[in-house]
Amino acid sequence: MALTPVEIRHIQLKRGLFGYRKASVHRMMDDIADSFETVWRERSQLVERVEELETEVARHVELEGLLRSTLVSAERASQDLKEAARREADVIVTEANAEARKVMRDVIGEKEALMGDVRRVQALLRSALSVVDEVPAEFSETPEGSAAPTTDQHPGWTVETRDSESAPVMMPPPAAGDESEDIRKLAG
């Protein structure tokens, strides 16, 4: 039976002829010793438990410090990666824009070259058409004294002469449609 300090202070020992009765004093001393021993044992266990908990708390504090430093370094690494990715993206976009401008310049140059070729072809076609349209009337008929080729042997062919001194030339019939009309369309 564990005694509290208040109970110990209020214990009333029985008195005998020459003072307190020995048996009740010895019994009380044994009860107090047992109670003190129990308290001392509990205190010792609690001290051990406190030491264990303090060790565990210290370990947790150290782990918390490691976790904080790891979190801070992870945040820094994340920021560094984001910044590096942003810089790389900027470089890629800049290179892509430069390549797009180069391709655009090349395409514009090719377009201008093709347009120049088209204008040259159109000019050639116009000059050829003007040459064809300007055939003098004297070349369109055969001279009276010359022997003109006959178209009897080649039905559909026409007779044309280049100048008054040369012999007339047999020309095949135009293919489907009028060639000069096709040339005019191409010349624009």
Protein backbone atom coordinates (compact mmCIF):
# COMPACT_ATOMS: atom_id res chain seq x y z
CA MET A 1 0.00 0.00 0.00
CA ALA A 2 1.54 3.29 -1.14
CA LEU A 3 1.34 6.11 1.33
CA THR A 4 1.18 9.71 0.35
CA PRO A 5 3.23 12.34 2.21
CA VAL A 6 0.04 13.77 3.71
CA GLU A 7 -0.94 10.35 5.08
CA ILE A 8 2.52 9.89 6.56
CA ARG A 9 2.29 13.26 8.32
CA HIS A 10 -1.08 12.40 9.85
CA ILE A 11 -0.22 8.96 11.11
CA GLN A 12 -0.99 8.57 14.77
CA LEU A 13 1.12 5.91 16.40
CA LYS A 14 -0.19 4.19 19.52
CA ARG A 15 1.59 4.96 22.71
CA GLY A 16 2.70 2.49 25.17
CA LEU A 17 4.16 2.62 28.69
CA PHE A 18 7.62 3.73 27.67
CA GLY A 19 6.65 5.63 24.47
CA TYR A 20 5.39 4.34 21.17
CA ARG A 21 4.58 0.70 20.68
CA LYS A 22 7.41 -1.02 18.87
CA ALA A 23 5.24 -3.25 16.68
CA SER A 24 3.15 -0.42 15.30
CA VAL A 25 6.27 1.70 14.71
CA HIS A 26 8.02 -1.19 12.90
CA ARG A 27 4.92 -1.87 10.81
CA MET A 28 4.64 1.78 9.95
CA MET A 29 8.34 1.97 9.06
CA ASP A 30 7.95 -1.09 6.79
CA ASP A 31 4.89 0.45 5.10
CA ILE A 32 6.77 3.73 4.59
CA ALA A 33 9.84 1.87 3.26
CA ASP A 34 7.64 -0.16 0.84
CA SER A 35 5.87 2.96 -0.28
CA PHE A 36 9.18 4.82 -0.71
CA GLU A 37 10.65 1.83 -2.61
CA THR A 38 7.63 1.78 -4.98
CA VAL A 39 7.90 5.51 -5.58
CA TRP A 40 11.66 5.23 -6.04
CA ARG A 41 11.22 2.42 -8.59
CA GLU A 42 8.52 4.39 -10.49
CA ARG A 43 10.74 7.45 -10.43
CA SER A 44 13.66 5.43 -11.84
CA GLN A 45 11.43 4.04 -14.61
CA LEU A 46 10.14 7.52 -15.40
CA VAL A 47 13.71 8.89 -15.56
CA GLU A 48 14.61 6.13 -18.03
CA ARG A 49 11.47 6.87 -20.06
CA VAL A 50 12.28 10.60 -20.05
CA GLU A 51 15.80 9.84 -21.31
CA GLU A 52 14.35 7.64 -24.08
CA LEU A 53 11.88 10.36 -25.07
CA GLU A 54 14.59 13.04 -25.00
CA THR A 55 16.76 10.88 -27.27
CA GLU A 56 13.82 10.36 -29.61
CA VAL A 57 13.01 14.08 -29.58
CA ALA A 58 16.64 14.90 -30.38
CA ARG A 59 16.55 12.40 -33.26
CA HIS A 60 13.31 13.95 -34.54
CA VAL A 61 14.76 17.47 -34.25
CA GLU A 62 17.82 16.35 -36.22
CA LEU A 63 15.57 14.67 -38.81
CA GLU A 64 13.46 17.84 -39.03
CA GLY A 65 16.61 19.87 -39.66
CA LEU A 66 17.66 17.45 -42.41
CA LEU A 67 14.20 17.59 -43.94
CA ARG A 68 14.20 21.39 -43.88
CA SER A 69 17.62 21.60 -45.50
CA THR A 70 16.55 18.99 -48.09
CA LEU A 71 13.37 20.95 -48.79
CA VAL A 72 15.30 24.19 -49.17
CA SER A 73 17.83 22.56 -51.53
CA ALA A 74 14.99 20.93 -53.50
CA GLU A 75 13.27 24.31 -53.84
CA ARG A 76 16.54 25.87 -55.02
CA ALA A 77 17.09 23.04 -57.49
CA SER A 78 13.52 23.43 -58.72
CA GLN A 79 13.99 27.17 -59.21
CA ASP A 80 17.31 26.58 -60.98
CA LEU A 81 15.69 23.99 -63.28
CA LYS A 82 12.79 26.33 -64.03
CA GLU A 83 15.19 29.15 -64.83
CA ALA A 84 17.35 26.92 -67.01
CA ALA A 85 14.26 25.62 -68.83
CA ARG A 86 13.02 29.17 -69.36
CA ARG A 87 16.40 30.25 -70.74
CA GLU A 88 16.54 27.20 -73.00
CA ALA A 89 12.98 27.87 -74.19
CA ASP A 90 13.93 31.49 -74.94
CA VAL A 91 16.95 30.31 -76.92
CA ILE A 92 14.82 27.80 -78.85
CA VAL A 93 12.17 30.42 -79.61
CA THR A 94 14.84 32.90 -80.71
CA GLU A 95 16.48 30.31 -82.96
CA ALA A 96 13.08 29.29 -84.36
CA ASN A 97 12.23 32.93 -85.11
CA ALA A 98 15.60 33.43 -86.80
CA GLU A 99 15.11 30.26 -88.86
CA ALA A 100 11.57 31.37 -89.78
CA ARG A 101 12.89 34.77 -90.90
CA LYS A 102 15.61 33.05 -92.96
CA VAL A 103 13.08 30.69 -94.56
CA MET A 104 10.78 33.64 -95.24
CA ARG A 105 13.61 35.60 -96.87
CA ASP A 106 14.52 32.56 -98.98
CA VAL A 107 10.90 32.06 -100.02
CA ILE A 108 10.51 35.74 -100.88
CA GLY A 109 13.74 35.58 -102.90
CA GLU A 110 12.54 32.50 -104.75
CA LYS A 111 9.18 34.15 -105.37
CA GLU A 112 10.86 37.26 -106.74
CA ALA A 113 13.12 35.12 -108.96
CA LEU A 114 10.12 33.19 -110.24
CA MET A 115 8.17 36.40 -110.81
CA GLY A 116 11.17 37.76 -112.77
CA ASP A 117 11.20 34.57 -114.83
CA VAL A 118 7.44 34.89 -115.40
CA ARG A 119 7.88 38.52 -116.51
CA ARG A 120 10.71 37.50 -118.88
CA VAL A 121 8.62 34.67 -120.35
CA GLN A 122 5.64 37.02 -120.70
CA ALA A 123 7.85 39.59 -122.45
CA LEU A 124 9.23 36.92 -124.76
CA LEU A 125 5.73 35.69 -125.52
CA ARG A 126 4.50 39.23 -126.15
CA SER A 127 7.40 39.94 -128.49
CA ALA A 128 6.85 36.61 -130.26
CA LEU A 129 3.15 37.38 -130.56
CA SER A 130 3.86 40.85 -131.90
CA VAL A 131 6.22 39.34 -134.46
CA VAL A 132 3.53 36.84 -135.49
CA ASP A 133 0.85 39.55 -135.64
CA GLU A 134 3.04 41.87 -137.74
CA VAL A 135 3.39 39.61 -140.80
CA PRO A 136 3.37 41.93 -143.81
CA ALA A 137 0.57 41.46 -146.33
CA GLU A 138 3.00 40.79 -149.18
CA PHE A 139 4.21 37.61 -147.43
CA SER A 140 0.78 36.23 -146.88
CA GLU A 141 0.06 35.72 -150.62
CA THR A 142 2.09 33.72 -153.10
CA PRO A 143 3.74 35.59 -155.94
CA GLU A 144 2.26 35.02 -159.36
CA GLY A 145 5.31 33.73 -161.09
CA SER A 146 6.51 31.31 -158.47
CA ALA A 147 5.57 27.71 -158.21
CA ALA A 148 3.57 27.43 -155.06
CA PRO A 149 3.37 24.13 -153.30
CA THR A 150 0.01 22.56 -153.60
CA THR A 151 -2.09 21.54 -150.69
CA ASP A 152 -3.72 18.78 -152.69
CA GLN A 153 -1.16 16.34 -151.47
CA HIS A 154 -1.60 17.50 -147.83
CA PRO A 155 -5.19 18.39 -147.03
CA GLY A 156 -5.55 20.91 -144.13
CA TRP A 157 -2.10 22.39 -144.67
CA THR A 158 -1.61 26.03 -145.62
CA VAL A 159 0.98 27.63 -147.83
CA GLU A 160 3.05 30.49 -146.42
CA THR A 161 6.06 32.31 -147.76
CA ARG A 162 8.74 34.01 -145.72
CA ASP A 163 9.83 36.57 -148.29
CA SER A 164 9.28 37.22 -151.95
CA GLU A 165 12.44 35.50 -153.11
CA SER A 166 12.22 32.27 -151.15
CA ALA A 167 10.01 29.36 -151.92
CA PRO A 168 6.70 29.01 -150.11
CA VAL A 169 6.62 26.77 -147.08
CA MET A 170 3.93 24.23 -146.25
CA MET A 171 2.61 24.72 -142.68
CA PRO A 172 0.67 22.04 -140.82
CA PRO A 173 -2.80 22.95 -139.62
CA PRO A 174 -2.99 24.44 -136.11
CA ALA A 175 -3.69 21.95 -133.36
CA ALA A 176 -6.91 22.04 -131.42
CA GLY A 177 -7.63 25.73 -130.89
CA ASP A 178 -5.86 28.79 -132.19
CA GLU A 179 -2.19 28.91 -131.11
CA SER A 180 -1.99 32.66 -131.19
CA GLU A 181 -4.93 32.80 -128.79
CA ASP A 182 -3.09 30.43 -126.42
CA ILE A 183 0.02 32.57 -126.67
CA ARG A 184 -2.01 35.72 -125.90
CA LYS A 185 -3.45 34.04 -122.79
CA LEU A 186 0.02 33.08 -121.56
CA ALA A 187 1.40 36.53 -122.28
CA GLY A 188 -1.28 37.94 -120.05
